[in-house]
Amino acid sequence: MLNKESLNILSKIAKIIKNNPDILVVLEGHTDNIQIIKNNKYGYIDNLDLSLRRSAGIARLLLNKYKISQKRIIVSGRGEFAPLNNNITIEDKNANRRIRVLLVPKISELYKF
């Protein structure tokens, strides 16, 4: 669940995406290093699965709320393998639970001949 600040940021990102039809959106999900418990209530397999579902949730918001074309969205997951912090404190772990949004020019737009 996104907090109000995150929803405001996503709204601004969506506006940028809509105003620039020649960019793709890569949503990169991340987790902390706490291993997923087997048979958990959410059905996550592991941190890679959690990170993919995290980025897919943002993709659904962009698709449904902001009407961004699915053709422009790439969902990816990095699991716990690209942390911002060392995962020692709860603050570190919280910072590592994130989505990174990359705005990438479409290749066809870069190489017009």
Protein backbone atom coordinates (compact mmCIF):
# COMPACT_ATOMS: atom_id res chain seq x y z
CA MET A 1 0.00 0.00 0.00
CA LEU A 2 1.37 3.39 -0.98
CA ASN A 3 1.30 6.29 1.42
CA LYS A 4 -0.01 9.74 0.45
CA GLU A 5 3.46 11.12 -0.36
CA SER A 6 4.22 8.16 -2.65
CA LEU A 7 0.87 8.55 -4.41
CA ASN A 8 1.63 12.24 -5.01
CA ILE A 9 5.02 11.36 -6.48
CA LEU A 10 3.47 8.67 -8.68
CA SER A 11 0.92 11.19 -9.94
CA LYS A 12 3.74 13.52 -11.00
CA ILE A 13 5.60 10.67 -12.68
CA ALA A 14 2.43 9.64 -14.51
CA LYS A 15 2.05 13.18 -15.82
CA ILE A 16 5.61 13.12 -17.15
CA ILE A 17 4.97 9.76 -18.81
CA LYS A 18 1.72 10.93 -20.42
CA ASN A 19 3.39 14.11 -21.71
CA ASN A 20 6.28 12.15 -23.25
CA PRO A 21 4.87 9.36 -25.42
CA ASP A 22 8.34 8.38 -26.66
CA ILE A 23 9.57 7.01 -23.34
CA LEU A 24 9.21 3.59 -21.75
CA VAL A 25 8.75 3.08 -18.02
CA VAL A 26 10.83 0.45 -16.21
CA LEU A 27 9.51 -0.35 -12.73
CA GLU A 28 12.19 -2.04 -10.67
CA GLY A 29 11.05 -3.67 -7.42
CA HIS A 30 13.39 -4.16 -4.45
CA THR A 31 13.20 -5.80 -1.01
CA ASP A 32 15.19 -5.96 2.19
CA ASN A 33 17.18 -9.11 3.02
CA ILE A 34 14.57 -10.75 5.27
CA GLN A 35 13.87 -14.12 3.69
CA ILE A 36 10.27 -14.98 2.81
CA ILE A 37 8.67 -17.65 4.99
CA LYS A 38 7.34 -20.59 3.00
CA ASN A 39 3.54 -20.85 2.84
CA ASN A 40 3.07 -17.21 3.90
CA LYS A 41 -0.43 -15.72 3.76
CA TYR A 42 0.37 -13.64 0.65
CA GLY A 43 1.70 -16.55 -1.39
CA TYR A 44 5.13 -15.02 -2.02
CA ILE A 45 7.71 -17.57 -3.10
CA ASP A 46 10.80 -15.51 -2.24
CA ASN A 47 12.11 -11.93 -2.29
CA LEU A 48 12.37 -11.95 -6.07
CA ASP A 49 8.67 -12.79 -6.26
CA LEU A 50 7.84 -10.05 -3.74
CA SER A 51 9.87 -7.47 -5.68
CA LEU A 52 8.15 -8.42 -8.95
CA ARG A 53 4.72 -8.16 -7.36
CA ARG A 54 5.68 -4.84 -5.82
CA SER A 55 6.56 -3.37 -9.23
CA ALA A 56 3.50 -5.01 -10.82
CA GLY A 57 1.30 -3.21 -8.30
CA ILE A 58 2.69 0.14 -9.44
CA ALA A 59 2.24 -0.92 -13.06
CA ARG A 60 -1.44 -1.62 -12.36
CA LEU A 61 -1.86 1.85 -10.89
CA LEU A 62 -0.26 3.42 -13.97
CA LEU A 63 -2.48 1.29 -16.23
CA ASN A 64 -5.78 1.69 -14.41
CA LYS A 65 -5.67 5.06 -12.70
CA TYR A 66 -3.46 7.02 -15.10
CA LYS A 67 -4.30 5.15 -18.34
CA ILE A 68 -0.67 4.59 -19.34
CA SER A 69 -0.42 1.99 -22.11
CA GLN A 70 0.80 -1.41 -21.01
CA LYS A 71 3.06 -1.41 -24.08
CA ARG A 72 5.13 1.31 -22.40
CA ILE A 73 5.62 -0.41 -19.01
CA ILE A 74 8.29 -2.96 -18.12
CA VAL A 75 8.01 -4.71 -14.75
CA SER A 76 11.16 -6.09 -13.14
CA GLY A 77 12.32 -7.31 -9.77
CA ARG A 78 15.73 -7.27 -8.13
CA GLY A 79 14.80 -8.91 -4.84
CA GLU A 80 17.32 -8.16 -2.11
CA PHE A 81 20.31 -8.02 -4.46
CA ALA A 82 20.62 -4.25 -5.05
CA PRO A 83 20.19 -2.65 -1.60
CA LEU A 84 20.55 1.07 -0.94
CA ASN A 85 21.63 0.36 2.63
CA ASN A 86 23.20 -2.48 4.60
CA ASN A 87 19.97 -3.91 6.09
CA ILE A 88 21.25 -3.63 9.68
CA THR A 89 18.63 -1.27 11.12
CA ILE A 90 14.89 -1.13 10.51
CA GLU A 91 15.42 2.21 8.76
CA ASP A 92 17.91 0.55 6.39
CA LYS A 93 15.47 -2.27 5.70
CA ASN A 94 12.62 0.18 5.08
CA ALA A 95 14.75 2.13 2.60
CA ASN A 96 15.54 -1.07 0.71
CA ARG A 97 11.82 -1.87 0.28
CA ARG A 98 11.20 0.30 -2.73
CA ILE A 99 10.33 0.75 -6.37
CA ARG A 100 12.76 2.48 -8.69
CA VAL A 101 11.16 4.15 -11.70
CA LEU A 102 13.34 4.48 -14.79
CA LEU A 103 12.19 6.56 -17.74
CA VAL A 104 13.89 5.27 -20.88
CA PRO A 105 13.69 6.58 -24.45
CA LYS A 106 12.26 4.08 -26.91
CA ILE A 107 15.13 2.59 -28.92
CA SER A 108 13.35 3.30 -32.21
CA GLU A 109 13.35 6.99 -31.30
CA LEU A 110 17.09 6.96 -30.61
CA TYR A 111 18.08 5.38 -33.91
CA LYS A 112 16.01 6.98 -36.62
CA PHE A 113 17.81 6.83 -39.93
